[in-house]
Amino acid sequence: MERKMANRKLILLSQLKSKLAAENLEEIDWVTFGVIVKKVTPQSANNGRTFSIWRLNDLRDLSQCVSLFLFGDVHKEHWKTDQGTV
């Protein structure tokens, strides 16, 4: 894990909103970790393509969730991932 995290900044999901407001994260190599706390049934977009929505949390502050939208190949590969997965 130390090798994978070398030169990267860890940002907790519960801190993401404040970090986005305060820093330009596009210029930083950063990572975050989250648990899938809720999955919405896959839906169809206006263009007919299917996508998924996951709600992620870092289990530090259950009121702070991030919605992750999965499209295309990412949706196809991961839509069956179980709730509770990190």
C-alpha atoms as a PDB file:
ATOM      1  CA  MET A   1       0.000   0.000   0.000  1.00  0.00           C
ATOM      2  CA  GLU A   2       2.880   2.377   0.746  1.00  0.00           C
ATOM      3  CA  ARG A   3       4.232   1.849  -2.772  1.00  0.00           C
ATOM      4  CA  LYS A   4       0.796   2.479  -4.341  1.00  0.00           C
ATOM      5  CA  MET A   5       0.296   5.627  -2.238  1.00  0.00           C
ATOM      6  CA  ALA A   6       3.756   7.090  -2.893  1.00  0.00           C
ATOM      7  CA  ASN A   7       3.443  10.723  -4.035  1.00  0.00           C
ATOM      8  CA  ARG A   8      -0.354  10.616  -3.702  1.00  0.00           C
ATOM      9  CA  LYS A   9      -2.583  12.469  -1.291  1.00  0.00           C
ATOM     10  CA  LEU A  10      -5.310  10.627   0.634  1.00  0.00           C
ATOM     11  CA  ILE A  11      -8.559  12.563   0.795  1.00  0.00           C
ATOM     12  CA  LEU A  12     -11.329  11.085   2.913  1.00  0.00           C
ATOM     13  CA  LEU A  13     -14.723  10.947   1.219  1.00  0.00           C
ATOM     14  CA  SER A  14     -16.205  12.878   4.134  1.00  0.00           C
ATOM     15  CA  GLN A  15     -13.709  15.689   3.388  1.00  0.00           C
ATOM     16  CA  LEU A  16     -14.104  15.680  -0.384  1.00  0.00           C
ATOM     17  CA  LYS A  17     -16.642  18.508  -0.635  1.00  0.00           C
ATOM     18  CA  SER A  18     -14.549  20.902   1.447  1.00  0.00           C
ATOM     19  CA  LYS A  19     -11.340  19.903  -0.378  1.00  0.00           C
ATOM     20  CA  LEU A  20     -12.986  20.531  -3.756  1.00  0.00           C
ATOM     21  CA  ALA A  21     -13.947  24.028  -2.599  1.00  0.00           C
ATOM     22  CA  ALA A  22     -10.512  24.837  -1.164  1.00  0.00           C
ATOM     23  CA  GLU A  23      -8.042  23.149  -3.528  1.00  0.00           C
ATOM     24  CA  ASN A  24      -7.578  22.535  -7.238  1.00  0.00           C
ATOM     25  CA  LEU A  25      -7.644  18.735  -7.118  1.00  0.00           C
ATOM     26  CA  GLU A  26      -7.047  18.474 -10.854  1.00  0.00           C
ATOM     27  CA  GLU A  27      -3.411  19.375 -10.184  1.00  0.00           C
ATOM     28  CA  ILE A  28      -2.963  16.810  -7.387  1.00  0.00           C
ATOM     29  CA  ASP A  29      -2.556  13.035  -7.636  1.00  0.00           C
ATOM     30  CA  TRP A  30      -5.091  12.000  -5.001  1.00  0.00           C
ATOM     31  CA  VAL A  31      -7.015   8.904  -3.952  1.00  0.00           C
ATOM     32  CA  THR A  32     -10.000   8.138  -1.795  1.00  0.00           C
ATOM     33  CA  PHE A  33     -11.641   5.030  -0.397  1.00  0.00           C
ATOM     34  CA  GLY A  34     -15.310   4.363   0.083  1.00  0.00           C
ATOM     35  CA  VAL A  35     -17.867   1.720   0.884  1.00  0.00           C
ATOM     36  CA  ILE A  36     -20.903   1.204  -1.330  1.00  0.00           C
ATOM     37  CA  VAL A  37     -23.684   2.036   1.135  1.00  0.00           C
ATOM     38  CA  LYS A  38     -26.502   2.122  -1.440  1.00  0.00           C
ATOM     39  CA  LYS A  39     -27.007   1.005  -5.022  1.00  0.00           C
ATOM     40  CA  VAL A  40     -29.785   2.311  -7.236  1.00  0.00           C
ATOM     41  CA  THR A  41     -31.276  -0.145  -9.722  1.00  0.00           C
ATOM     42  CA  PRO A  42     -29.550   0.371 -13.105  1.00  0.00           C
ATOM     43  CA  GLN A  43     -31.341   2.982 -15.190  1.00  0.00           C
ATOM     44  CA  SER A  44     -31.507   3.968 -18.847  1.00  0.00           C
ATOM     45  CA  ALA A  45     -30.251   7.351 -19.995  1.00  0.00           C
ATOM     46  CA  ASN A  46     -32.042   9.403 -22.667  1.00  0.00           C
ATOM     47  CA  ASN A  47     -29.718   7.872 -25.258  1.00  0.00           C
ATOM     48  CA  GLY A  48     -30.833   4.349 -24.249  1.00  0.00           C
ATOM     49  CA  ARG A  49     -27.596   3.360 -22.563  1.00  0.00           C
ATOM     50  CA  THR A  50     -27.751   1.820 -19.095  1.00  0.00           C
ATOM     51  CA  PHE A  51     -25.914   3.278 -16.107  1.00  0.00           C
ATOM     52  CA  SER A  52     -25.673   2.710 -12.362  1.00  0.00           C
ATOM     53  CA  ILE A  53     -25.541   5.020  -9.383  1.00  0.00           C
ATOM     54  CA  TRP A  54     -23.718   4.098  -6.175  1.00  0.00           C
ATOM     55  CA  ARG A  55     -23.723   6.066  -2.937  1.00  0.00           C
ATOM     56  CA  LEU A  56     -20.317   5.875  -1.269  1.00  0.00           C
ATOM     57  CA  ASN A  57     -19.298   6.678   2.298  1.00  0.00           C
ATOM     58  CA  ASP A  58     -16.068   6.410   4.297  1.00  0.00           C
ATOM     59  CA  LEU A  59     -17.939   5.320   7.475  1.00  0.00           C
ATOM     60  CA  ARG A  60     -16.622   8.352   9.403  1.00  0.00           C
ATOM     61  CA  ASP A  61     -19.658  10.543   8.832  1.00  0.00           C
ATOM     62  CA  LEU A  62     -22.716   8.686   7.549  1.00  0.00           C
ATOM     63  CA  SER A  63     -24.391  11.963   6.579  1.00  0.00           C
ATOM     64  CA  GLN A  64     -21.651  12.674   3.998  1.00  0.00           C
ATOM     65  CA  CYS A  65     -22.120  10.479   0.917  1.00  0.00           C
ATOM     66  CA  VAL A  66     -20.808  10.817  -2.610  1.00  0.00           C
ATOM     67  CA  SER A  67     -22.843   9.653  -5.599  1.00  0.00           C
ATOM     68  CA  LEU A  68     -20.831   7.802  -8.208  1.00  0.00           C
ATOM     69  CA  PHE A  69     -22.325   7.363 -11.683  1.00  0.00           C
ATOM     70  CA  LEU A  70     -21.065   4.384 -13.685  1.00  0.00           C
ATOM     71  CA  PHE A  71     -21.393   4.510 -17.490  1.00  0.00           C
ATOM     72  CA  GLY A  72     -20.212   2.447 -20.453  1.00  0.00           C
ATOM     73  CA  ASP A  73     -17.627  -0.265 -19.865  1.00  0.00           C
ATOM     74  CA  VAL A  74     -17.308   0.661 -16.176  1.00  0.00           C
ATOM     75  CA  HIS A  75     -21.029   0.042 -15.693  1.00  0.00           C
ATOM     76  CA  LYS A  76     -20.880  -3.234 -17.646  1.00  0.00           C
ATOM     77  CA  GLU A  77     -17.940  -4.507 -15.618  1.00  0.00           C
ATOM     78  CA  HIS A  78     -19.021  -3.401 -12.130  1.00  0.00           C
ATOM     79  CA  TRP A  79     -22.831  -3.084 -11.936  1.00  0.00           C
ATOM     80  CA  LYS A  80     -23.146  -6.389 -10.055  1.00  0.00           C
ATOM     81  CA  THR A  81     -20.710  -5.326  -7.317  1.00  0.00           C
ATOM     82  CA  ASP A  82     -22.311  -5.955  -3.926  1.00  0.00           C
ATOM     83  CA  GLN A  83     -23.427  -3.240  -1.539  1.00  0.00           C
ATOM     84  CA  GLY A  84     -20.920  -3.113   1.329  1.00  0.00           C
ATOM     85  CA  THR A  85     -17.928  -3.558  -0.973  1.00  0.00           C
ATOM     86  CA  VAL A  86     -14.955  -1.216  -0.433  1.00  0.00           C
END
